[in-house]
């Protein structure tokens, strides 16, 4: 487990956004999101940008272990580093959204330890069924992390695990994102809502699967503004 911290100047009790990158569980690195971490800090939000071990060297269970270990490390050091352990938010993109949502819904992290989740361009939320929503070119992307036995993927379906006491979730899907189908994000929102969770859904214009993150790192970006309002509660 590795992470980079981006702290607002003079931070004492800032909320903390824990960013979990995408990359189909097989790629991605925290260094690619330095601009995003700095953008959070400019808005008064501490940010931790995580690395986790990548498939196929490990599977999704071990990746979840890395996320859980990072959250424990961050919670234990909140006071000394200047953020509020009661206001830790998970921000996951693509495969990172799956890791964030499943870690909470499955109980790998306590529901009461997380103040909210931002799920951006989600994939793999209910892998046993939502694989059918993927473009034919991408229907094998789940296998390195979830295994070749598709019958076993249902163990990672989030819907049966939702209890209605999850923290608030902001679901985001770019209007131009055709790599991660909107149906997966929309279904996540609907399943959260049906379970009684507090959930919101936004669909930023002129954003695809990857450039949304680039835009979010820019001053004045409306998507980052929405995320900051969600985290800051205003």
C-alpha atoms as a PDB file:
ATOM      1  CA  UNK A   1       0.000   0.000   0.000  1.00  0.00           C
ATOM      2  CA  UNK A   2       1.321   3.435  -0.992  1.00  0.00           C
ATOM      3  CA  UNK A   3      -0.287   6.856  -0.965  1.00  0.00           C
ATOM      4  CA  UNK A   4       0.413  10.532  -1.531  1.00  0.00           C
ATOM      5  CA  UNK A   5      -1.106  13.192   0.714  1.00  0.00           C
ATOM      6  CA  UNK A   6      -2.228  16.657  -0.378  1.00  0.00           C
ATOM      7  CA  UNK A   7      -3.063  18.864   2.598  1.00  0.00           C
ATOM      8  CA  UNK A   8      -4.682  22.306   2.590  1.00  0.00           C
ATOM      9  CA  UNK A   9      -2.437  24.998   3.961  1.00  0.00           C
ATOM     10  CA  UNK A  10      -2.941  25.261   7.705  1.00  0.00           C
ATOM     11  CA  UNK A  11      -5.238  22.233   7.815  1.00  0.00           C
ATOM     12  CA  UNK A  12      -6.442  21.141  11.241  1.00  0.00           C
ATOM     13  CA  UNK A  13      -9.868  19.537  10.802  1.00  0.00           C
ATOM     14  CA  UNK A  14     -10.330  19.328   7.029  1.00  0.00           C
ATOM     15  CA  UNK A  15     -12.381  16.522   5.517  1.00  0.00           C
ATOM     16  CA  UNK A  16     -10.334  13.861   3.745  1.00  0.00           C
ATOM     17  CA  UNK A  17     -11.020  12.600   0.216  1.00  0.00           C
ATOM     18  CA  UNK A  18      -9.414   9.207  -0.421  1.00  0.00           C
ATOM     19  CA  UNK A  19      -8.980   8.801  -4.173  1.00  0.00           C
ATOM     20  CA  UNK A  20      -8.918   5.246  -5.596  1.00  0.00           C
ATOM     21  CA  UNK A  21      -7.821   5.244  -9.227  1.00  0.00           C
ATOM     22  CA  UNK A  22      -9.261   3.309 -12.140  1.00  0.00           C
ATOM     23  CA  UNK A  23      -7.508   1.333 -14.851  1.00  0.00           C
ATOM     24  CA  UNK A  24      -9.559  -1.891 -15.121  1.00  0.00           C
ATOM     25  CA  UNK A  25      -7.841  -3.223 -11.963  1.00  0.00           C
ATOM     26  CA  UNK A  26      -4.659  -3.817 -14.030  1.00  0.00           C
ATOM     27  CA  UNK A  27      -3.133  -0.353 -14.427  1.00  0.00           C
ATOM     28  CA  UNK A  28      -2.888   3.119 -12.922  1.00  0.00           C
ATOM     29  CA  UNK A  29      -0.591   4.954 -10.551  1.00  0.00           C
ATOM     30  CA  UNK A  30      -1.061   7.620  -7.899  1.00  0.00           C
ATOM     31  CA  UNK A  31       1.468   9.883  -9.653  1.00  0.00           C
ATOM     32  CA  UNK A  32      -0.982  10.350 -12.514  1.00  0.00           C
ATOM     33  CA  UNK A  33      -3.404  12.149 -10.177  1.00  0.00           C
ATOM     34  CA  UNK A  34      -1.178  14.733  -8.531  1.00  0.00           C
ATOM     35  CA  UNK A  35      -3.220  17.506 -10.157  1.00  0.00           C
ATOM     36  CA  UNK A  36      -6.430  16.075  -8.759  1.00  0.00           C
ATOM     37  CA  UNK A  37      -4.981  15.817  -5.254  1.00  0.00           C
ATOM     38  CA  UNK A  38      -3.799  19.425  -5.443  1.00  0.00           C
ATOM     39  CA  UNK A  39      -7.249  20.522  -6.667  1.00  0.00           C
ATOM     40  CA  UNK A  40      -8.872  19.020  -3.583  1.00  0.00           C
ATOM     41  CA  UNK A  41      -6.357  20.772  -1.328  1.00  0.00           C
ATOM     42  CA  UNK A  42      -7.059  24.134  -2.999  1.00  0.00           C
ATOM     43  CA  UNK A  43     -10.710  23.721  -1.986  1.00  0.00           C
ATOM     44  CA  UNK A  44      -9.878  23.053   1.647  1.00  0.00           C
ATOM     45  CA  UNK A  45     -10.156  19.269   1.380  1.00  0.00           C
ATOM     46  CA  UNK A  46      -7.270  17.008   2.339  1.00  0.00           C
ATOM     47  CA  UNK A  47      -6.666  14.276  -0.243  1.00  0.00           C
ATOM     48  CA  UNK A  48      -4.972  10.885  -0.150  1.00  0.00           C
ATOM     49  CA  UNK A  49      -4.274   9.349  -3.562  1.00  0.00           C
ATOM     50  CA  UNK A  50      -3.757   5.599  -3.235  1.00  0.00           C
ATOM     51  CA  UNK A  51      -1.830   2.921  -5.040  1.00  0.00           C
ATOM     52  CA  UNK A  52      -2.969  -0.672  -4.718  1.00  0.00           C
ATOM     53  CA  UNK A  53      -1.453  -3.852  -6.102  1.00  0.00           C
ATOM     54  CA  UNK A  54      -2.563  -4.581  -9.647  1.00  0.00           C
ATOM     55  CA  UNK A  55      -4.146  -7.599 -11.294  1.00  0.00           C
ATOM     56  CA  UNK A  56      -3.345 -10.169 -12.530  1.00  0.00           C
ATOM     57  CA  UNK A  57      -0.524 -10.401  -9.963  1.00  0.00           C
ATOM     58  CA  UNK A  58      -3.250 -10.109  -7.312  1.00  0.00           C
ATOM     59  CA  UNK A  59      -7.026 -10.405  -7.447  1.00  0.00           C
ATOM     60  CA  UNK A  60      -9.732  -8.003  -6.335  1.00  0.00           C
ATOM     61  CA  UNK A  61      -9.721  -9.412  -2.777  1.00  0.00           C
ATOM     62  CA  UNK A  62      -6.108  -8.389  -2.276  1.00  0.00           C
ATOM     63  CA  UNK A  63      -6.752  -5.005  -3.853  1.00  0.00           C
ATOM     64  CA  UNK A  64      -9.542  -4.496  -1.337  1.00  0.00           C
ATOM     65  CA  UNK A  65      -7.101  -5.444   1.427  1.00  0.00           C
ATOM     66  CA  UNK A  66      -4.801  -2.646   0.219  1.00  0.00           C
ATOM     67  CA  UNK A  67      -7.618  -0.097   0.287  1.00  0.00           C
ATOM     68  CA  UNK A  68      -8.659  -1.185   3.793  1.00  0.00           C
ATOM     69  CA  UNK A  69      -5.058  -0.989   5.028  1.00  0.00           C
ATOM     70  CA  UNK A  70      -4.724   2.522   3.625  1.00  0.00           C
ATOM     71  CA  UNK A  71      -7.929   3.645   5.332  1.00  0.00           C
ATOM     72  CA  UNK A  72      -6.786   2.276   8.680  1.00  0.00           C
ATOM     73  CA  UNK A  73      -3.414   4.028   8.304  1.00  0.00           C
ATOM     74  CA  UNK A  74      -5.096   7.308   7.427  1.00  0.00           C
ATOM     75  CA  UNK A  75      -7.645   7.121  10.240  1.00  0.00           C
ATOM     76  CA  UNK A  76      -4.940   6.477  12.842  1.00  0.00           C
ATOM     77  CA  UNK A  77      -2.974   9.558  11.749  1.00  0.00           C
ATOM     78  CA  UNK A  78      -5.825  12.012  11.259  1.00  0.00           C
ATOM     79  CA  UNK A  79      -5.077  14.240  14.230  1.00  0.00           C
ATOM     80  CA  UNK A  80      -1.350  14.504  13.573  1.00  0.00           C
ATOM     81  CA  UNK A  81      -1.801  15.195   9.845  1.00  0.00           C
ATOM     82  CA  UNK A  82      -4.598  17.726  10.192  1.00  0.00           C
ATOM     83  CA  UNK A  83      -7.793  16.164   8.846  1.00  0.00           C
ATOM     84  CA  UNK A  84     -10.977  14.923  10.487  1.00  0.00           C
ATOM     85  CA  UNK A  85     -11.261  11.135  10.930  1.00  0.00           C
ATOM     86  CA  UNK A  86     -15.046  11.561  11.176  1.00  0.00           C
ATOM     87  CA  UNK A  87     -15.188  13.044   7.667  1.00  0.00           C
ATOM     88  CA  UNK A  88     -13.402  10.569   5.424  1.00  0.00           C
ATOM     89  CA  UNK A  89     -14.863  10.255   1.920  1.00  0.00           C
ATOM     90  CA  UNK A  90     -14.031   7.636  -0.698  1.00  0.00           C
ATOM     91  CA  UNK A  91     -13.682   8.929  -4.269  1.00  0.00           C
ATOM     92  CA  UNK A  92     -13.378   6.096  -6.771  1.00  0.00           C
ATOM     93  CA  UNK A  93     -13.093   6.207 -10.541  1.00  0.00           C
ATOM     94  CA  UNK A  94     -13.992   3.256 -12.782  1.00  0.00           C
ATOM     95  CA  UNK A  95     -12.489   0.141 -11.140  1.00  0.00           C
ATOM     96  CA  UNK A  96     -11.709   2.379  -8.166  1.00  0.00           C
ATOM     97  CA  UNK A  97     -15.437   3.053  -7.775  1.00  0.00           C
ATOM     98  CA  UNK A  98     -16.023  -0.702  -7.557  1.00  0.00           C
ATOM     99  CA  UNK A  99     -13.357  -1.040  -4.874  1.00  0.00           C
ATOM    100  CA  UNK A 100     -14.843   1.850  -2.890  1.00  0.00           C
ATOM    101  CA  UNK A 101     -18.476   0.751  -3.072  1.00  0.00           C
ATOM    102  CA  UNK A 102     -17.808  -2.944  -2.483  1.00  0.00           C
ATOM    103  CA  UNK A 103     -15.427  -2.307   0.425  1.00  0.00           C
ATOM    104  CA  UNK A 104     -18.188  -0.440   2.216  1.00  0.00           C
ATOM    105  CA  UNK A 105     -21.198  -2.566   1.211  1.00  0.00           C
ATOM    106  CA  UNK A 106     -19.413  -5.814   2.080  1.00  0.00           C
ATOM    107  CA  UNK A 107     -18.432  -4.610   5.540  1.00  0.00           C
ATOM    108  CA  UNK A 108     -14.700  -4.705   4.872  1.00  0.00           C
ATOM    109  CA  UNK A 109     -14.761  -1.165   6.181  1.00  0.00           C
ATOM    110  CA  UNK A 110     -17.334  -0.086   8.733  1.00  0.00           C
ATOM    111  CA  UNK A 111     -20.199   1.965   7.358  1.00  0.00           C
ATOM    112  CA  UNK A 112     -19.804   4.384  10.247  1.00  0.00           C
ATOM    113  CA  UNK A 113     -16.147   5.042   9.381  1.00  0.00           C
ATOM    114  CA  UNK A 114     -16.932   6.651   6.023  1.00  0.00           C
ATOM    115  CA  UNK A 115     -18.846   9.926   5.612  1.00  0.00           C
ATOM    116  CA  UNK A 116     -19.679   9.414   1.936  1.00  0.00           C
ATOM    117  CA  UNK A 117     -18.681   7.959  -1.414  1.00  0.00           C
ATOM    118  CA  UNK A 118     -18.200   9.555  -4.829  1.00  0.00           C
ATOM    119  CA  UNK A 119     -18.455   6.934  -7.598  1.00  0.00           C
ATOM    120  CA  UNK A 120     -17.235   8.190 -10.993  1.00  0.00           C
ATOM    121  CA  UNK A 121     -17.664   6.210 -14.234  1.00  0.00           C
ATOM    122  CA  UNK A 122     -18.383   3.003 -12.359  1.00  0.00           C
ATOM    123  CA  UNK A 123     -17.663  -0.485 -13.678  1.00  0.00           C
ATOM    124  CA  UNK A 124     -17.951  -3.900 -12.019  1.00  0.00           C
ATOM    125  CA  UNK A 125     -20.503  -2.843  -9.415  1.00  0.00           C
ATOM    126  CA  UNK A 126     -22.547  -5.996 -10.034  1.00  0.00           C
ATOM    127  CA  UNK A 127     -20.050  -7.884 -12.201  1.00  0.00           C
ATOM    128  CA  UNK A 128     -22.158 -11.006 -12.719  1.00  0.00           C
ATOM    129  CA  UNK A 129     -24.749  -8.966 -14.616  1.00  0.00           C
ATOM    130  CA  UNK A 130     -23.288  -5.628 -15.633  1.00  0.00           C
ATOM    131  CA  UNK A 131     -20.582  -7.246 -17.786  1.00  0.00           C
ATOM    132  CA  UNK A 132     -23.332  -7.539 -20.395  1.00  0.00           C
ATOM    133  CA  UNK A 133     -23.527  -3.743 -20.547  1.00  0.00           C
ATOM    134  CA  UNK A 134     -19.907  -3.422 -21.669  1.00  0.00           C
ATOM    135  CA  UNK A 135     -18.987  -2.996 -25.305  1.00  0.00           C
ATOM    136  CA  UNK A 136     -18.012  -6.367 -26.766  1.00  0.00           C
ATOM    137  CA  UNK A 137     -14.393  -5.186 -26.941  1.00  0.00           C
ATOM    138  CA  UNK A 138     -14.243  -4.759 -23.162  1.00  0.00           C
ATOM    139  CA  UNK A 139     -16.127  -7.791 -21.856  1.00  0.00           C
ATOM    140  CA  UNK A 140     -12.953  -9.541 -20.730  1.00  0.00           C
ATOM    141  CA  UNK A 141     -11.699  -6.676 -18.530  1.00  0.00           C
ATOM    142  CA  UNK A 142     -13.195  -8.161 -15.359  1.00  0.00           C
ATOM    143  CA  UNK A 143     -11.339 -11.464 -15.613  1.00  0.00           C
ATOM    144  CA  UNK A 144      -7.868 -10.420 -14.364  1.00  0.00           C
ATOM    145  CA  UNK A 145      -9.374  -9.212 -11.072  1.00  0.00           C
ATOM    146  CA  UNK A 146     -12.474 -11.382 -10.627  1.00  0.00           C
ATOM    147  CA  UNK A 147     -11.197 -14.612 -12.220  1.00  0.00           C
ATOM    148  CA  UNK A 148     -12.151 -16.652 -15.254  1.00  0.00           C
ATOM    149  CA  UNK A 149     -15.060 -18.416 -13.494  1.00  0.00           C
ATOM    150  CA  UNK A 150     -17.891 -16.001 -14.181  1.00  0.00           C
ATOM    151  CA  UNK A 151     -20.251 -17.961 -11.953  1.00  0.00           C
ATOM    152  CA  UNK A 152     -18.159 -16.822  -8.991  1.00  0.00           C
ATOM    153  CA  UNK A 153     -18.501 -13.123  -9.810  1.00  0.00           C
ATOM    154  CA  UNK A 154     -21.847 -12.878  -8.024  1.00  0.00           C
ATOM    155  CA  UNK A 155     -19.913 -12.857  -4.735  1.00  0.00           C
ATOM    156  CA  UNK A 156     -18.908  -9.294  -5.650  1.00  0.00           C
ATOM    157  CA  UNK A 157     -22.374  -8.042  -6.606  1.00  0.00           C
ATOM    158  CA  UNK A 158     -23.172  -5.001  -4.490  1.00  0.00           C
ATOM    159  CA  UNK A 159     -26.967  -5.004  -4.742  1.00  0.00           C
ATOM    160  CA  UNK A 160     -27.604  -7.914  -2.325  1.00  0.00           C
ATOM    161  CA  UNK A 161     -25.323  -6.278   0.245  1.00  0.00           C
ATOM    162  CA  UNK A 162     -27.069  -2.899   0.437  1.00  0.00           C
ATOM    163  CA  UNK A 163     -28.886  -2.356   3.746  1.00  0.00           C
ATOM    164  CA  UNK A 164     -30.032   1.236   3.500  1.00  0.00           C
ATOM    165  CA  UNK A 165     -27.703   2.496   6.228  1.00  0.00           C
ATOM    166  CA  UNK A 166     -24.832   3.301   3.881  1.00  0.00           C
ATOM    167  CA  UNK A 167     -23.458   6.864   3.967  1.00  0.00           C
ATOM    168  CA  UNK A 168     -24.493   9.267   1.176  1.00  0.00           C
ATOM    169  CA  UNK A 169     -23.287   8.441  -2.329  1.00  0.00           C
ATOM    170  CA  UNK A 170     -22.753  10.823  -5.244  1.00  0.00           C
ATOM    171  CA  UNK A 171     -22.809   8.913  -8.540  1.00  0.00           C
ATOM    172  CA  UNK A 172     -21.196  10.683 -11.510  1.00  0.00           C
ATOM    173  CA  UNK A 173     -21.153   9.606 -15.141  1.00  0.00           C
ATOM    174  CA  UNK A 174     -19.808  11.749 -17.957  1.00  0.00           C
ATOM    175  CA  UNK A 175     -22.268  12.360 -20.791  1.00  0.00           C
ATOM    176  CA  UNK A 176     -19.569  11.391 -23.280  1.00  0.00           C
ATOM    177  CA  UNK A 177     -18.340   8.302 -21.422  1.00  0.00           C
ATOM    178  CA  UNK A 178     -18.865   5.294 -23.666  1.00  0.00           C
ATOM    179  CA  UNK A 179     -16.110   3.141 -22.161  1.00  0.00           C
ATOM    180  CA  UNK A 180     -17.989   2.711 -18.879  1.00  0.00           C
ATOM    181  CA  UNK A 181     -21.655   2.374 -19.867  1.00  0.00           C
ATOM    182  CA  UNK A 182     -24.058   4.829 -18.280  1.00  0.00           C
ATOM    183  CA  UNK A 183     -26.330   1.877 -17.494  1.00  0.00           C
ATOM    184  CA  UNK A 184     -23.912   0.724 -14.770  1.00  0.00           C
ATOM    185  CA  UNK A 185     -23.791   4.113 -13.032  1.00  0.00           C
ATOM    186  CA  UNK A 186     -27.520   4.596 -13.436  1.00  0.00           C
ATOM    187  CA  UNK A 187     -28.206   1.142 -12.010  1.00  0.00           C
ATOM    188  CA  UNK A 188     -25.942   1.828  -9.034  1.00  0.00           C
ATOM    189  CA  UNK A 189     -27.892   4.997  -8.286  1.00  0.00           C
ATOM    190  CA  UNK A 190     -31.230   3.205  -8.647  1.00  0.00           C
ATOM    191  CA  UNK A 191     -30.155   0.313  -6.421  1.00  0.00           C
ATOM    192  CA  UNK A 192     -28.917   2.683  -3.721  1.00  0.00           C
ATOM    193  CA  UNK A 193     -32.151   4.656  -3.905  1.00  0.00           C
ATOM    194  CA  UNK A 194     -34.279   1.488  -3.777  1.00  0.00           C
ATOM    195  CA  UNK A 195     -32.375   0.314  -0.686  1.00  0.00           C
ATOM    196  CA  UNK A 196     -33.159   3.575   1.085  1.00  0.00           C
ATOM    197  CA  UNK A 197     -29.706   5.118   0.779  1.00  0.00           C
ATOM    198  CA  UNK A 198     -29.187   8.833   0.256  1.00  0.00           C
ATOM    199  CA  UNK A 199     -27.929   9.032  -3.324  1.00  0.00           C
ATOM    200  CA  UNK A 200     -27.574  11.690  -6.021  1.00  0.00           C
ATOM    201  CA  UNK A 201     -26.761  11.364  -9.702  1.00  0.00           C
ATOM    202  CA  UNK A 202     -25.088  13.909 -11.970  1.00  0.00           C
ATOM    203  CA  UNK A 203     -24.040  13.651 -15.596  1.00  0.00           C
ATOM    204  CA  UNK A 204     -21.533  16.348 -16.580  1.00  0.00           C
ATOM    205  CA  UNK A 205     -21.589  17.437 -20.206  1.00  0.00           C
ATOM    206  CA  UNK A 206     -18.456  17.317 -22.388  1.00  0.00           C
ATOM    207  CA  UNK A 207     -16.819  14.673 -20.195  1.00  0.00           C
ATOM    208  CA  UNK A 208     -15.682  11.209 -21.186  1.00  0.00           C
ATOM    209  CA  UNK A 209     -14.204   8.417 -19.097  1.00  0.00           C
ATOM    210  CA  UNK A 210     -10.784  10.003 -18.677  1.00  0.00           C
ATOM    211  CA  UNK A 211     -10.956  13.712 -19.443  1.00  0.00           C
ATOM    212  CA  UNK A 212     -13.384  14.238 -16.565  1.00  0.00           C
ATOM    213  CA  UNK A 213     -10.468  13.721 -14.178  1.00  0.00           C
ATOM    214  CA  UNK A 214      -8.329  16.175 -16.152  1.00  0.00           C
ATOM    215  CA  UNK A 215     -11.126  18.747 -16.014  1.00  0.00           C
ATOM    216  CA  UNK A 216     -11.596  18.194 -12.278  1.00  0.00           C
ATOM    217  CA  UNK A 217      -7.986  19.209 -11.695  1.00  0.00           C
ATOM    218  CA  UNK A 218      -8.624  22.586 -13.372  1.00  0.00           C
ATOM    219  CA  UNK A 219      -9.759  25.665 -11.425  1.00  0.00           C
ATOM    220  CA  UNK A 220     -13.489  26.330 -11.671  1.00  0.00           C
ATOM    221  CA  UNK A 221     -14.478  22.885 -12.940  1.00  0.00           C
ATOM    222  CA  UNK A 222     -18.213  22.306 -12.269  1.00  0.00           C
ATOM    223  CA  UNK A 223     -17.802  18.595 -11.520  1.00  0.00           C
ATOM    224  CA  UNK A 224     -15.145  19.298  -8.911  1.00  0.00           C
ATOM    225  CA  UNK A 225     -17.414  22.010  -7.538  1.00  0.00           C
ATOM    226  CA  UNK A 226     -20.203  19.439  -7.102  1.00  0.00           C
ATOM    227  CA  UNK A 227     -17.826  16.964  -5.436  1.00  0.00           C
ATOM    228  CA  UNK A 228     -16.456  19.662  -3.119  1.00  0.00           C
ATOM    229  CA  UNK A 229     -19.992  20.662  -2.101  1.00  0.00           C
ATOM    230  CA  UNK A 230     -20.777  17.022  -1.367  1.00  0.00           C
ATOM    231  CA  UNK A 231     -17.649  16.629   0.776  1.00  0.00           C
ATOM    232  CA  UNK A 232     -17.824  19.993   2.523  1.00  0.00           C
ATOM    233  CA  UNK A 233     -21.576  19.828   3.041  1.00  0.00           C
ATOM    234  CA  UNK A 234     -22.288  23.222   1.528  1.00  0.00           C
END
